[in-house]
Amino acid sequence: MCRWVVLMFVCLFSGAFSGSTAWAQTLRTPSGPVLLTVDGPLSVSNVPEGASFDLPMLKELGETSFTTETIWTEGEQTFTGVSLHRLLEELGVADGSLRAVAINEYWVEIPVSDAEPDGPIIAWARNGKPMSVRDKGPLWVVYPYDDNPEYRSEIIFSRSIWQLRRIEIEP
């Protein structure tokens, strides 16, 4: 009987430290100003409420760029940022919806299904320059509108929130 209890204990502990998604992993702590916080049920975190990211941390997830026209700017613009797909993948978010919240507390709902590999990005630069708050920054959810006719709709335009500061994961 004692061996069985010890064996169960060892199995439980080895499963707990084997990288199982049931146990939250951690991100490093931001060393610069926090640009984005993500709250909700995450597999990976660095603060009790969820995850906080400074610009270098977002860049470490992988930079991606595309050129597109928008209804808010003139002519083609090149946006650089992290893929929404990659961010959610890093945090272990696979379904549900996102409440994307701007600096002024304006918010939009974005289904997790929008986070496709070649879909929207959380942009931090436009035409190679960081975006200021006056210029819809520092973060802007941008879709590659010219790449997919479905992205040129009022629904998608409404999800393109600028001055993004927080994402709340809703199961």
C-alpha atoms as a PDB file:
ATOM      1  CA  MET A   1       0.000   0.000   0.000  1.00  0.00           C
ATOM      2  CA  CYS A   2       2.804   2.411   0.879  1.00  0.00           C
ATOM      3  CA  ARG A   3       4.534   1.818  -2.492  1.00  0.00           C
ATOM      4  CA  TRP A   4       1.310   2.620  -4.314  1.00  0.00           C
ATOM      5  CA  VAL A   5       0.968   5.962  -2.462  1.00  0.00           C
ATOM      6  CA  VAL A   6       4.594   6.852  -3.187  1.00  0.00           C
ATOM      7  CA  LEU A   7       4.153   5.913  -6.854  1.00  0.00           C
ATOM      8  CA  MET A   8       1.026   8.095  -7.131  1.00  0.00           C
ATOM      9  CA  PHE A   9       2.871  10.990  -5.466  1.00  0.00           C
ATOM     10  CA  VAL A  10       5.804  10.684  -7.895  1.00  0.00           C
ATOM     11  CA  CYS A  11       3.474  10.516 -10.911  1.00  0.00           C
ATOM     12  CA  LEU A  12       1.551  13.585  -9.802  1.00  0.00           C
ATOM     13  CA  PHE A  13       4.719  15.604  -9.185  1.00  0.00           C
ATOM     14  CA  SER A  14       6.372  14.556 -12.441  1.00  0.00           C
ATOM     15  CA  GLY A  15       3.244  15.582 -14.359  1.00  0.00           C
ATOM     16  CA  ALA A  16       3.159  18.917 -12.589  1.00  0.00           C
ATOM     17  CA  PHE A  17       6.645  19.858 -13.743  1.00  0.00           C
ATOM     18  CA  SER A  18       6.605  18.360 -17.232  1.00  0.00           C
ATOM     19  CA  GLY A  19       5.262  21.464 -18.964  1.00  0.00           C
ATOM     20  CA  SER A  20       1.624  20.488 -18.711  1.00  0.00           C
ATOM     21  CA  THR A  21      -0.688  23.316 -19.706  1.00  0.00           C
ATOM     22  CA  ALA A  22      -2.630  22.793 -16.488  1.00  0.00           C
ATOM     23  CA  TRP A  23       0.211  24.523 -14.673  1.00  0.00           C
ATOM     24  CA  ALA A  24       0.800  28.155 -15.602  1.00  0.00           C
ATOM     25  CA  GLN A  25       4.210  28.941 -17.012  1.00  0.00           C
ATOM     26  CA  THR A  26       5.728  32.366 -16.603  1.00  0.00           C
ATOM     27  CA  LEU A  27       6.947  35.120 -18.901  1.00  0.00           C
ATOM     28  CA  ARG A  28       9.820  37.349 -17.987  1.00  0.00           C
ATOM     29  CA  THR A  29       8.973  40.611 -16.265  1.00  0.00           C
ATOM     30  CA  PRO A  30       8.852  43.781 -18.408  1.00  0.00           C
ATOM     31  CA  SER A  31      11.915  45.980 -17.922  1.00  0.00           C
ATOM     32  CA  GLY A  32      10.477  49.015 -19.707  1.00  0.00           C
ATOM     33  CA  PRO A  33       7.109  50.777 -19.778  1.00  0.00           C
ATOM     34  CA  VAL A  34       4.211  48.312 -20.037  1.00  0.00           C
ATOM     35  CA  LEU A  35       2.379  48.829 -23.334  1.00  0.00           C
ATOM     36  CA  LEU A  36      -0.056  45.929 -23.187  1.00  0.00           C
ATOM     37  CA  THR A  37      -1.685  43.846 -20.481  1.00  0.00           C
ATOM     38  CA  VAL A  38      -3.645  40.676 -21.124  1.00  0.00           C
ATOM     39  CA  ASP A  39      -6.027  39.453 -18.430  1.00  0.00           C
ATOM     40  CA  GLY A  40      -8.032  36.279 -18.109  1.00  0.00           C
ATOM     41  CA  PRO A  41      -7.474  32.539 -18.281  1.00  0.00           C
ATOM     42  CA  LEU A  42      -3.927  32.243 -19.660  1.00  0.00           C
ATOM     43  CA  SER A  43      -1.499  29.312 -19.699  1.00  0.00           C
ATOM     44  CA  VAL A  44       1.456  31.705 -19.383  1.00  0.00           C
ATOM     45  CA  SER A  45       1.687  34.774 -17.156  1.00  0.00           C
ATOM     46  CA  ASN A  46       4.045  37.171 -15.396  1.00  0.00           C
ATOM     47  CA  VAL A  47       1.649  39.035 -13.081  1.00  0.00           C
ATOM     48  CA  PRO A  48      -1.161  37.655 -10.888  1.00  0.00           C
ATOM     49  CA  GLU A  49      -3.871  38.998 -13.226  1.00  0.00           C
ATOM     50  CA  GLY A  50      -2.306  37.707 -16.454  1.00  0.00           C
ATOM     51  CA  ALA A  51       0.485  39.044 -18.627  1.00  0.00           C
ATOM     52  CA  SER A  52       2.187  42.411 -19.093  1.00  0.00           C
ATOM     53  CA  PHE A  53       4.340  43.292 -22.096  1.00  0.00           C
ATOM     54  CA  ASP A  54       6.801  46.054 -22.825  1.00  0.00           C
ATOM     55  CA  LEU A  55       7.874  46.736 -26.422  1.00  0.00           C
ATOM     56  CA  PRO A  56      10.961  44.472 -26.372  1.00  0.00           C
ATOM     57  CA  MET A  57       8.826  41.569 -25.114  1.00  0.00           C
ATOM     58  CA  LEU A  58       6.297  42.080 -27.923  1.00  0.00           C
ATOM     59  CA  LYS A  59       9.139  42.215 -30.453  1.00  0.00           C
ATOM     60  CA  GLU A  60      10.597  38.975 -29.069  1.00  0.00           C
ATOM     61  CA  LEU A  61       7.388  37.200 -30.093  1.00  0.00           C
ATOM     62  CA  GLY A  62       8.298  37.940 -33.705  1.00  0.00           C
ATOM     63  CA  GLU A  63       7.868  41.007 -35.841  1.00  0.00           C
ATOM     64  CA  THR A  64       5.632  40.880 -38.869  1.00  0.00           C
ATOM     65  CA  SER A  65       4.812  43.589 -41.389  1.00  0.00           C
ATOM     66  CA  PHE A  66       2.360  44.166 -44.189  1.00  0.00           C
ATOM     67  CA  THR A  67       1.375  47.034 -46.434  1.00  0.00           C
ATOM     68  CA  THR A  68      -2.279  47.968 -46.778  1.00  0.00           C
ATOM     69  CA  GLU A  69      -4.614  50.896 -47.182  1.00  0.00           C
ATOM     70  CA  THR A  70      -6.938  51.819 -44.327  1.00  0.00           C
ATOM     71  CA  ILE A  71     -10.061  53.954 -44.100  1.00  0.00           C
ATOM     72  CA  TRP A  72      -8.290  56.158 -41.518  1.00  0.00           C
ATOM     73  CA  THR A  73      -5.126  56.987 -43.467  1.00  0.00           C
ATOM     74  CA  GLU A  74      -4.230  58.116 -46.973  1.00  0.00           C
ATOM     75  CA  GLY A  75      -2.478  55.757 -49.361  1.00  0.00           C
ATOM     76  CA  GLU A  76      -0.692  52.534 -48.583  1.00  0.00           C
ATOM     77  CA  GLN A  77       0.776  52.202 -45.106  1.00  0.00           C
ATOM     78  CA  THR A  78       3.253  49.636 -43.830  1.00  0.00           C
ATOM     79  CA  PHE A  79       2.429  48.344 -40.365  1.00  0.00           C
ATOM     80  CA  THR A  80       4.833  46.400 -38.152  1.00  0.00           C
ATOM     81  CA  GLY A  81       3.854  44.498 -35.042  1.00  0.00           C
ATOM     82  CA  VAL A  82       3.222  41.099 -33.548  1.00  0.00           C
ATOM     83  CA  SER A  83       0.671  38.757 -35.055  1.00  0.00           C
ATOM     84  CA  LEU A  84      -2.420  38.481 -32.862  1.00  0.00           C
ATOM     85  CA  HIS A  85      -2.246  34.762 -33.612  1.00  0.00           C
ATOM     86  CA  ARG A  86       1.307  34.551 -32.241  1.00  0.00           C
ATOM     87  CA  LEU A  87       0.469  36.531 -29.086  1.00  0.00           C
ATOM     88  CA  LEU A  88      -2.518  34.309 -28.269  1.00  0.00           C
ATOM     89  CA  GLU A  89      -0.511  31.188 -29.085  1.00  0.00           C
ATOM     90  CA  GLU A  90       2.205  32.301 -26.635  1.00  0.00           C
ATOM     91  CA  LEU A  91      -0.406  32.843 -23.925  1.00  0.00           C
ATOM     92  CA  GLY A  92      -2.217  29.556 -24.570  1.00  0.00           C
ATOM     93  CA  VAL A  93      -5.492  31.132 -25.723  1.00  0.00           C
ATOM     94  CA  ALA A  94      -7.307  28.988 -28.301  1.00  0.00           C
ATOM     95  CA  ASP A  95     -10.946  30.015 -28.130  1.00  0.00           C
ATOM     96  CA  GLY A  96     -13.393  32.551 -26.771  1.00  0.00           C
ATOM     97  CA  SER A  97     -13.329  36.238 -27.454  1.00  0.00           C
ATOM     98  CA  LEU A  98     -11.173  39.232 -26.713  1.00  0.00           C
ATOM     99  CA  ARG A  99     -12.287  42.495 -25.233  1.00  0.00           C
ATOM    100  CA  ALA A 100      -9.729  44.938 -26.611  1.00  0.00           C
ATOM    101  CA  VAL A 101      -9.648  48.109 -24.519  1.00  0.00           C
ATOM    102  CA  ALA A 102      -8.182  51.467 -25.542  1.00  0.00           C
ATOM    103  CA  ILE A 103      -6.513  54.104 -23.383  1.00  0.00           C
ATOM    104  CA  ASN A 104      -9.850  55.967 -23.047  1.00  0.00           C
ATOM    105  CA  GLU A 105     -11.658  52.728 -21.981  1.00  0.00           C
ATOM    106  CA  TYR A 106     -13.399  52.389 -25.381  1.00  0.00           C
ATOM    107  CA  TRP A 107     -13.556  48.678 -26.161  1.00  0.00           C
ATOM    108  CA  VAL A 108     -14.355  46.282 -28.967  1.00  0.00           C
ATOM    109  CA  GLU A 109     -15.029  42.571 -29.104  1.00  0.00           C
ATOM    110  CA  ILE A 110     -12.738  40.458 -31.305  1.00  0.00           C
ATOM    111  CA  PRO A 111     -13.389  36.731 -31.719  1.00  0.00           C
ATOM    112  CA  VAL A 112     -10.307  34.578 -31.159  1.00  0.00           C
ATOM    113  CA  SER A 113     -11.102  33.025 -34.553  1.00  0.00           C
ATOM    114  CA  ASP A 114      -9.914  36.294 -36.170  1.00  0.00           C
ATOM    115  CA  ALA A 115      -6.392  35.529 -34.926  1.00  0.00           C
ATOM    116  CA  GLU A 116      -5.213  33.693 -38.025  1.00  0.00           C
ATOM    117  CA  PRO A 117      -1.510  33.388 -38.928  1.00  0.00           C
ATOM    118  CA  ASP A 118      -1.838  35.901 -41.798  1.00  0.00           C
ATOM    119  CA  GLY A 119      -4.506  37.959 -40.064  1.00  0.00           C
ATOM    120  CA  PRO A 120      -4.444  40.999 -37.791  1.00  0.00           C
ATOM    121  CA  ILE A 121      -1.409  42.287 -35.972  1.00  0.00           C
ATOM    122  CA  ILE A 122      -0.931  44.459 -32.932  1.00  0.00           C
ATOM    123  CA  ALA A 123       1.069  47.159 -34.671  1.00  0.00           C
ATOM    124  CA  TRP A 124       3.596  49.370 -32.894  1.00  0.00           C
ATOM    125  CA  ALA A 125       5.027  51.039 -35.996  1.00  0.00           C
ATOM    126  CA  ARG A 126       3.595  52.632 -39.121  1.00  0.00           C
ATOM    127  CA  ASN A 127       5.884  53.272 -42.069  1.00  0.00           C
ATOM    128  CA  GLY A 128       8.890  52.367 -39.942  1.00  0.00           C
ATOM    129  CA  LYS A 129       8.145  54.834 -37.138  1.00  0.00           C
ATOM    130  CA  PRO A 130       6.693  54.194 -33.676  1.00  0.00           C
ATOM    131  CA  MET A 131       3.115  55.399 -33.378  1.00  0.00           C
ATOM    132  CA  SER A 132       2.410  58.100 -30.806  1.00  0.00           C
ATOM    133  CA  VAL A 133      -0.869  58.377 -28.936  1.00  0.00           C
ATOM    134  CA  ARG A 134      -1.782  61.240 -31.304  1.00  0.00           C
ATOM    135  CA  ASP A 135      -1.096  58.881 -34.219  1.00  0.00           C
ATOM    136  CA  LYS A 136      -3.338  56.012 -33.036  1.00  0.00           C
ATOM    137  CA  GLY A 137      -0.538  54.419 -31.011  1.00  0.00           C
ATOM    138  CA  PRO A 138       1.290  53.167 -29.257  1.00  0.00           C
ATOM    139  CA  LEU A 139      -0.560  49.971 -30.285  1.00  0.00           C
ATOM    140  CA  TRP A 140      -3.182  49.500 -33.003  1.00  0.00           C
ATOM    141  CA  VAL A 141      -4.978  46.300 -34.036  1.00  0.00           C
ATOM    142  CA  VAL A 142      -4.659  46.337 -37.820  1.00  0.00           C
ATOM    143  CA  TYR A 143      -5.943  43.789 -40.326  1.00  0.00           C
ATOM    144  CA  PRO A 144      -4.325  43.299 -43.750  1.00  0.00           C
ATOM    145  CA  TYR A 145      -7.381  44.863 -45.387  1.00  0.00           C
ATOM    146  CA  ASP A 146      -6.049  44.653 -48.944  1.00  0.00           C
ATOM    147  CA  ASP A 147      -5.176  40.949 -48.679  1.00  0.00           C
ATOM    148  CA  ASN A 148      -8.675  39.641 -48.052  1.00  0.00           C
ATOM    149  CA  PRO A 149     -11.971  41.152 -49.267  1.00  0.00           C
ATOM    150  CA  GLU A 150     -13.633  39.919 -46.059  1.00  0.00           C
ATOM    151  CA  TYR A 151     -11.382  42.320 -44.108  1.00  0.00           C
ATOM    152  CA  ARG A 152     -12.918  45.315 -45.888  1.00  0.00           C
ATOM    153  CA  SER A 153     -16.180  45.290 -43.949  1.00  0.00           C
ATOM    154  CA  GLU A 154     -17.727  47.468 -41.267  1.00  0.00           C
ATOM    155  CA  ILE A 155     -17.461  44.622 -38.756  1.00  0.00           C
ATOM    156  CA  ILE A 156     -13.702  44.241 -39.257  1.00  0.00           C
ATOM    157  CA  PHE A 157     -13.157  48.003 -39.380  1.00  0.00           C
ATOM    158  CA  SER A 158     -14.944  48.237 -36.013  1.00  0.00           C
ATOM    159  CA  ARG A 159     -12.491  45.697 -34.529  1.00  0.00           C
ATOM    160  CA  SER A 160      -9.474  47.762 -35.588  1.00  0.00           C
ATOM    161  CA  ILE A 161      -8.995  49.465 -32.261  1.00  0.00           C
ATOM    162  CA  TRP A 162      -6.176  51.961 -31.811  1.00  0.00           C
ATOM    163  CA  GLN A 163      -4.514  53.194 -28.629  1.00  0.00           C
ATOM    164  CA  LEU A 164      -4.852  49.601 -27.403  1.00  0.00           C
ATOM    165  CA  ARG A 165      -3.702  49.084 -23.822  1.00  0.00           C
ATOM    166  CA  ARG A 166      -5.450  45.966 -22.540  1.00  0.00           C
ATOM    167  CA  ILE A 167      -6.934  42.712 -23.795  1.00  0.00           C
ATOM    168  CA  GLU A 168      -9.356  40.790 -21.607  1.00  0.00           C
ATOM    169  CA  ILE A 169      -9.792  37.122 -22.529  1.00  0.00           C
ATOM    170  CA  GLU A 170     -13.405  35.989 -22.258  1.00  0.00           C
ATOM    171  CA  PRO A 171     -14.000  32.212 -22.473  1.00  0.00           C
END
